[in-house]
Amino acid sequence: MEKICRYSVLFGGLIVSVVVALFAQSCTGTTRSAKTANSLYNTGTHYYNGKKYPDAFRLFREAADAGSADAMNFIGLMYEKGQATDTNYQQAMEWYQKAAHAGSTAAISNIGWMYDKGKGVSEDDQQAIEWYQKAANAGNADAAYNMGWMYHYGEGVDTNYQKAMEW
């Protein structure tokens, strides 16, 4: 009888553990896939900052496949700069668009940059402003700076120092 009770306690404890783990996961909103994507992304940034671009590119690709918007943005950046790959502005724009669709405000700003500088697209200050403004309104500081720049130098808008300062 003792043996049966021990197994039922162990089995019951296992069920409780699984239920608690699933509940905790649902409360934090973090899935194993998201944790994996974040881990791959973080390791990729470590390699990127160490200028180990091939390793960074591989890890960013894995993180992007797992859903990391930040990794998608970095892949775009690496295509734009030709790091661990040939420079390819069309590929950069495609990855920026994927990342923007996945919620990366940095990617939204980078799309503005591509239009601002005419990289892989026709230079279009109006499109640049639209993308910068979208990213800045979502809290992206680089995009806000770029909006200020556009107003200060009258790129796509009339020069307006007051609006430049507001951004």
Foldseek 3Di string as FASTA:
>chain_A
DVVVVVVVVVVVVVVVVVVVVVVVCVVVVDDPLLVQLVVLQVVLVVCVVVLVQLSSLVSLVSSVVSPDLVSLQVNLVCLCVVRNHGNDNVSSLVSLVVSVVSPDLVSLQVNLVCLCVVRVHDNDNVSSLVSLVVSVVVPDPVSLQVNLVCLCVVPVHDNDNVSSVVD
